[in-house]
Protein backbone atom coordinates (compact mmCIF):
# COMPACT_ATOMS: atom_id res chain seq x y z
CA MET A 1 -41.62 40.32 212.83
CA ARG A 2 -41.34 39.30 216.47
CA CYS A 3 -44.28 38.03 218.45
CA PRO A 4 -45.14 40.43 221.30
CA ARG A 5 -44.86 39.24 224.87
CA ARG A 6 -47.97 37.81 226.45
CA GLY A 7 -50.10 40.57 227.94
CA SER A 8 -48.39 43.31 225.97
CA SER A 9 -50.08 45.66 223.55
CA PRO A 10 -48.82 47.66 220.60
CA GLY A 11 -48.34 51.24 221.66
CA GLY A 12 -47.56 50.45 225.29
CA ALA A 13 -49.87 50.20 228.27
CA SER A 14 -52.38 52.74 227.05
CA GLY A 15 -52.43 51.79 223.37
CA ARG A 16 -53.78 55.26 222.58
CA ARG A 17 -53.96 58.58 224.36
CA THR A 18 -57.54 58.51 225.62
CA TRP A 19 -60.32 56.02 226.16
CA GLY A 20 -63.76 56.72 227.48
CA THR A 21 -67.47 56.15 227.54
CA GLY A 22 -68.98 55.58 224.12
CA GLN A 23 -65.88 53.86 222.75
CA THR A 24 -65.38 50.14 222.15
CA LEU A 25 -62.09 48.26 222.11
CA ILE A 26 -61.91 44.78 220.64
CA ASP A 27 -58.75 43.22 222.03
CA LEU A 28 -58.32 39.59 220.96
CA PRO A 29 -55.84 38.23 223.51
CA TYR A 30 -56.91 36.78 226.83
CA PRO A 31 -56.29 37.44 229.58
CA ARG A 32 -56.86 41.16 229.04
CA THR A 33 -53.91 43.26 227.96
CA ALA A 34 -52.81 46.47 229.64
CA THR A 35 -54.54 48.40 226.86
CA ALA A 36 -57.83 46.63 227.53
CA GLN A 37 -57.52 47.24 231.26
CA ALA A 38 -56.82 50.94 230.71
CA ALA A 39 -59.76 51.29 228.32
CA ALA A 40 -62.14 49.52 230.72
CA ALA A 41 -60.95 51.66 233.63
CA ALA A 42 -61.69 54.77 231.55
CA GLY A 43 -65.25 53.61 230.86
CA ALA A 44 -64.88 52.14 227.38
CA ARG A 45 -66.63 48.92 226.43
CA VAL A 46 -64.03 46.17 226.05
CA LEU A 47 -64.56 42.92 224.17
CA ASP A 48 -61.66 40.57 224.72
CA GLY A 49 -60.64 37.27 223.20
CA LEU A 50 -63.06 35.33 225.39
CA GLU A 51 -65.99 37.13 223.76
CA VAL A 52 -64.65 36.16 220.34
CA LEU A 53 -64.12 32.58 221.52
CA VAL A 54 -67.78 32.34 222.57
CA ALA A 55 -68.97 33.78 219.25
CA GLN A 56 -66.81 31.38 217.26
CA GLY A 57 -67.82 28.42 219.40
CA ALA A 58 -71.51 29.27 219.10
CA ALA A 59 -71.30 29.58 215.33
CA SER A 60 -69.48 26.24 215.09
CA PHE A 61 -71.94 24.52 217.42
CA GLU A 62 -74.89 25.68 215.34
CA LEU A 63 -73.23 24.71 212.07
CA TRP A 64 -72.31 21.22 213.29
CA THR A 65 -75.49 20.38 215.19
CA GLY A 66 -78.20 22.44 213.51
CA HIS A 67 -79.36 23.53 216.96
CA PRO A 68 -79.11 26.90 218.71
CA ALA A 69 -75.92 27.19 220.73
CA PRO A 70 -76.24 27.35 224.52
CA VAL A 71 -74.59 30.78 224.58
CA VAL A 72 -75.57 31.55 228.18
CA ALA A 73 -73.95 28.31 229.35
CA MET A 74 -70.90 28.91 227.19
CA ARG A 75 -70.44 32.41 228.60
CA GLY A 76 -70.96 31.10 232.13
CA ALA A 77 -68.30 28.42 231.65
CA LEU A 78 -65.81 31.18 230.85
CA GLY A 79 -66.88 33.41 233.72
CA LEU A 80 -68.55 35.97 231.46
CA THR A 81 -71.83 37.56 232.49
């Protein structure tokens, strides 16, 4: 199995025929793939790899320190709002 090129998505640029409001795409790579960009442009909610990175980092922080993770600061450091 070959590794896809950076920024590419299975199924081509659209990844599926239609995207729209009320749908959610979880696309793990970052920066966003063409599929994620198409879904966002069509009104779908898109969670990309940066969202997963924050969630994993927050869980690790809390496990290691026993304190609540500074999620707002973590999101801000990655340019997420």
